[in-house]
């Protein structure tokens, strides 16, 4: 992160970085590519030493960084932002949009809007991140139990759900873990996670409007 050579990140851009950082750090099967305008600037990969590298070309290759280092950098930026300092990203020029592209180790899948289904130690994990305060996130999640809209509730054996809060990033991962379910239960869990993400994202947008 650079405070002098780049344009200040917006609140939305910094929130997106916090969500991406906490997910990459908590769910091990996620890789990220940060792009400014049309130029890739950073690849976040679980094991940079093993990451494939394209042949040398005229265009500079993006820097490789592992999830722990990415989390540390974003956490420092978030602390500076909270202290009232402007935060920029090296390579992000005036009028550039910051894009964060996600990829998930197969047979996992990016379900959209930062929600993933990912393999982990012989189990399957459904997860997404939120920048809501944990108490408010819990309240939003509780309302979903009362609004199933006729969607069957997932009941695979060994299902567990928890919230994993990262104090440095002030972000929380909603983490649902189960033994590998059948295709029908997988589709239901995918849909339930998408509904969770939609409800939480809507609350985040409303909160941002009244900051």
Protein backbone atom coordinates (compact mmCIF):
# COMPACT_ATOMS: atom_id res chain seq x y z
CA UNK A 1 0.00 0.00 0.00
CA UNK A 2 1.28 3.46 -0.91
CA UNK A 3 0.06 6.73 0.53
CA UNK A 4 1.75 9.10 -1.96
CA UNK A 5 2.02 7.55 -5.43
CA UNK A 6 -1.57 6.46 -5.92
CA UNK A 7 -5.11 7.68 -5.82
CA UNK A 8 -7.04 7.34 -2.55
CA UNK A 9 -9.25 4.26 -2.30
CA UNK A 10 -12.96 4.78 -1.79
CA UNK A 11 -14.76 3.36 1.23
CA UNK A 12 -16.30 0.76 -1.08
CA UNK A 13 -12.92 -0.22 -2.51
CA UNK A 14 -11.40 -0.61 0.93
CA UNK A 15 -14.40 -2.67 2.12
CA UNK A 16 -13.97 -4.94 -0.92
CA UNK A 17 -10.29 -5.40 -0.05
CA UNK A 18 -11.17 -6.26 3.57
CA UNK A 19 -13.69 -8.88 2.45
CA UNK A 20 -11.26 -10.38 -0.05
CA UNK A 21 -8.39 -10.42 2.45
CA UNK A 22 -10.36 -12.10 5.22
CA UNK A 23 -11.71 -14.72 2.80
CA UNK A 24 -8.31 -15.53 1.28
CA UNK A 25 -6.81 -15.81 4.77
CA UNK A 26 -9.64 -17.90 6.26
CA UNK A 27 -10.60 -20.15 3.32
CA UNK A 28 -7.42 -21.69 1.92
CA UNK A 29 -8.67 -22.54 -1.58
CA UNK A 30 -9.09 -18.95 -2.83
CA UNK A 31 -6.87 -16.97 -5.19
CA UNK A 32 -7.38 -13.31 -6.07
CA UNK A 33 -6.23 -10.95 -8.82
CA UNK A 34 -6.33 -7.21 -8.22
CA UNK A 35 -6.57 -5.15 -11.40
CA UNK A 36 -6.38 -1.37 -11.76
CA UNK A 37 -7.97 -0.23 -15.00
CA UNK A 38 -6.78 -2.92 -17.42
CA UNK A 39 -3.49 -3.80 -15.69
CA UNK A 40 -3.21 -6.67 -13.20
CA UNK A 41 -1.18 -5.45 -10.23
CA UNK A 42 -1.31 -8.14 -7.52
CA UNK A 43 -2.04 -11.86 -7.46
CA UNK A 44 -2.91 -13.33 -4.06
CA UNK A 45 -2.24 -17.08 -4.11
CA UNK A 46 -2.04 -19.69 -1.33
CA UNK A 47 1.50 -20.76 -2.32
CA UNK A 48 3.35 -18.17 -4.43
CA UNK A 49 6.39 -20.44 -4.86
CA UNK A 50 4.25 -22.99 -6.69
CA UNK A 51 2.14 -20.56 -8.68
CA UNK A 52 2.56 -20.92 -12.47
CA UNK A 53 4.18 -17.93 -14.12
CA UNK A 54 3.49 -16.91 -17.71
CA UNK A 55 6.42 -16.48 -20.12
CA UNK A 56 8.25 -13.17 -19.92
CA UNK A 57 6.43 -10.50 -21.92
CA UNK A 58 6.76 -6.78 -22.45
CA UNK A 59 3.99 -6.11 -19.94
CA UNK A 60 5.08 -6.35 -16.29
CA UNK A 61 3.74 -9.35 -14.44
CA UNK A 62 1.62 -8.79 -11.33
CA UNK A 63 3.31 -9.16 -7.98
CA UNK A 64 2.64 -12.44 -6.16
CA UNK A 65 1.70 -12.35 -2.48
CA UNK A 66 0.40 -15.00 -0.10
CA UNK A 67 -2.86 -14.49 1.86
CA UNK A 68 -1.20 -13.72 5.20
CA UNK A 69 0.88 -10.91 3.72
CA UNK A 70 -2.14 -9.56 1.85
CA UNK A 71 -4.17 -9.58 5.08
CA UNK A 72 -1.39 -7.67 6.87
CA UNK A 73 -1.20 -5.03 4.13
CA UNK A 74 -4.97 -4.52 4.02
CA UNK A 75 -5.17 -4.43 7.83
CA UNK A 76 -2.55 -1.66 7.92
CA UNK A 77 -4.47 0.27 5.29
CA UNK A 78 -7.69 -0.15 7.28
CA UNK A 79 -5.99 1.09 10.47
CA UNK A 80 -4.65 4.13 8.61
CA UNK A 81 -8.09 4.80 7.13
CA UNK A 82 -9.67 4.58 10.59
CA UNK A 83 -7.11 7.15 11.77
CA UNK A 84 -8.24 9.56 9.06
CA UNK A 85 -5.41 9.09 6.56
CA UNK A 86 -5.99 8.65 2.82
CA UNK A 87 -5.09 5.21 1.48
CA UNK A 88 -3.98 4.35 -2.04
CA UNK A 89 -2.94 1.26 -3.95
CA UNK A 90 0.24 1.17 -6.04
CA UNK A 91 -0.75 1.07 -9.70
CA UNK A 92 -4.20 2.55 -9.15
CA UNK A 93 -4.27 5.75 -11.18
CA UNK A 94 -6.79 8.56 -11.32
CA UNK A 95 -10.20 7.37 -12.63
CA UNK A 96 -9.13 3.69 -12.51
CA UNK A 97 -11.57 1.19 -11.04
CA UNK A 98 -10.21 -1.44 -8.67
CA UNK A 99 -11.37 -4.90 -9.73
CA UNK A 100 -10.91 -8.05 -7.62
CA UNK A 101 -11.25 -11.30 -9.57
CA UNK A 102 -11.80 -14.49 -7.59
CA UNK A 103 -10.87 -18.09 -8.40
CA UNK A 104 -11.48 -21.18 -6.28
CA UNK A 105 -9.68 -24.51 -6.33
CA UNK A 106 -11.74 -27.19 -8.08
CA UNK A 107 -14.19 -28.75 -7.36
CA UNK A 108 -15.05 -25.50 -5.60
CA UNK A 109 -16.81 -22.60 -7.25
CA UNK A 110 -17.14 -18.84 -6.91
CA UNK A 111 -20.88 -18.32 -6.44
CA UNK A 112 -20.78 -14.58 -7.10
CA UNK A 113 -20.43 -11.43 -4.99
CA UNK A 114 -17.60 -12.94 -2.94
CA UNK A 115 -19.44 -16.11 -1.93
CA UNK A 116 -17.63 -19.39 -2.49
CA UNK A 117 -18.03 -23.14 -2.26
CA UNK A 118 -14.57 -24.57 -1.61
CA UNK A 119 -12.95 -27.90 -0.71
CA UNK A 120 -11.19 -28.00 2.64
CA UNK A 121 -9.57 -31.07 4.27
CA UNK A 122 -12.02 -33.54 2.75
CA UNK A 123 -15.06 -31.40 3.54
CA UNK A 124 -16.89 -28.70 1.60
CA UNK A 125 -17.07 -25.11 2.85
CA UNK A 126 -19.60 -22.43 1.91
CA UNK A 127 -18.41 -18.98 2.91
CA UNK A 128 -18.67 -15.24 2.37
CA UNK A 129 -17.41 -12.16 4.21
CA UNK A 130 -19.11 -9.11 5.68
CA UNK A 131 -17.90 -5.82 7.14
CA UNK A 132 -20.98 -5.52 9.38
CA UNK A 133 -20.37 -5.52 13.12
CA UNK A 134 -20.67 -9.12 14.38
CA UNK A 135 -23.79 -8.38 16.46
CA UNK A 136 -25.55 -6.80 13.49
CA UNK A 137 -24.45 -9.61 11.18
CA UNK A 138 -25.88 -12.15 13.62
CA UNK A 139 -29.16 -10.23 13.70
CA UNK A 140 -29.39 -10.19 9.89
CA UNK A 141 -28.63 -13.91 9.71
CA UNK A 142 -31.32 -14.60 12.31
CA UNK A 143 -33.98 -12.92 10.17
CA UNK A 144 -33.18 -15.32 7.31
CA UNK A 145 -34.31 -18.28 9.40
CA UNK A 146 -37.80 -16.80 9.34
CA UNK A 147 -37.83 -16.04 5.59
CA UNK A 148 -37.17 -19.28 3.76
CA UNK A 149 -39.64 -18.40 0.96
CA UNK A 150 -40.33 -22.05 0.42
CA UNK A 151 -36.70 -22.98 -0.20
CA UNK A 152 -35.89 -26.33 1.39
CA UNK A 153 -33.49 -25.99 4.28
CA UNK A 154 -30.21 -27.92 3.91
CA UNK A 155 -29.83 -30.92 6.18
CA UNK A 156 -26.67 -32.83 5.15
CA UNK A 157 -25.05 -34.87 7.90
CA UNK A 158 -22.28 -33.11 9.79
CA UNK A 159 -23.41 -29.59 8.91
CA UNK A 160 -21.81 -26.88 11.05
CA UNK A 161 -22.02 -23.09 10.77
CA UNK A 162 -20.02 -20.37 12.51
CA UNK A 163 -18.90 -16.75 12.29
CA UNK A 164 -15.14 -16.14 12.14
CA UNK A 165 -14.30 -12.53 13.03
CA UNK A 166 -10.95 -10.97 12.13
CA UNK A 167 -10.12 -8.16 14.55
CA UNK A 168 -7.38 -6.64 12.37
CA UNK A 169 -9.62 -6.34 9.30
CA UNK A 170 -12.82 -5.76 11.30
CA UNK A 171 -14.50 -8.23 8.94
CA UNK A 172 -16.29 -11.52 9.53
CA UNK A 173 -16.51 -14.73 7.51
CA UNK A 174 -19.80 -16.60 7.55
CA UNK A 175 -18.54 -20.19 7.35
CA UNK A 176 -20.77 -23.24 6.72
CA UNK A 177 -18.99 -26.59 6.63
CA UNK A 178 -20.32 -30.05 5.77
CA UNK A 179 -19.23 -33.49 4.67
CA UNK A 180 -19.35 -33.60 0.85
CA UNK A 181 -23.12 -33.51 0.15
CA UNK A 182 -25.00 -34.88 -2.84
CA UNK A 183 -25.77 -32.70 -5.85
CA UNK A 184 -29.26 -31.80 -4.58
CA UNK A 185 -28.04 -30.65 -1.16
CA UNK A 186 -25.18 -28.77 -2.83
CA UNK A 187 -27.62 -26.80 -4.99
CA UNK A 188 -29.72 -25.96 -1.93
CA UNK A 189 -26.69 -24.79 0.05
CA UNK A 190 -25.52 -22.71 -2.92
CA UNK A 191 -28.91 -20.98 -3.06
CA UNK A 192 -29.07 -20.46 0.70
CA UNK A 193 -25.61 -18.85 0.65
CA UNK A 194 -26.61 -16.54 -2.22
CA UNK A 195 -29.64 -15.40 -0.21
CA UNK A 196 -27.46 -14.80 2.83
CA UNK A 197 -25.07 -12.68 0.75
CA UNK A 198 -27.93 -10.66 -0.76
CA UNK A 199 -29.45 -9.89 2.65
CA UNK A 200 -26.13 -8.97 4.25
CA UNK A 201 -25.02 -6.85 1.26
CA UNK A 202 -28.31 -4.93 1.33
CA UNK A 203 -27.77 -4.14 5.02
CA UNK A 204 -24.20 -3.01 4.33
CA UNK A 205 -25.42 -0.63 1.59
CA UNK A 206 -28.07 0.87 3.87
CA UNK A 207 -25.52 1.32 6.66
CA UNK A 208 -23.11 3.06 4.28
CA UNK A 209 -25.82 5.53 3.23
CA UNK A 210 -26.21 6.69 6.80
CA UNK A 211 -22.54 6.91 7.80
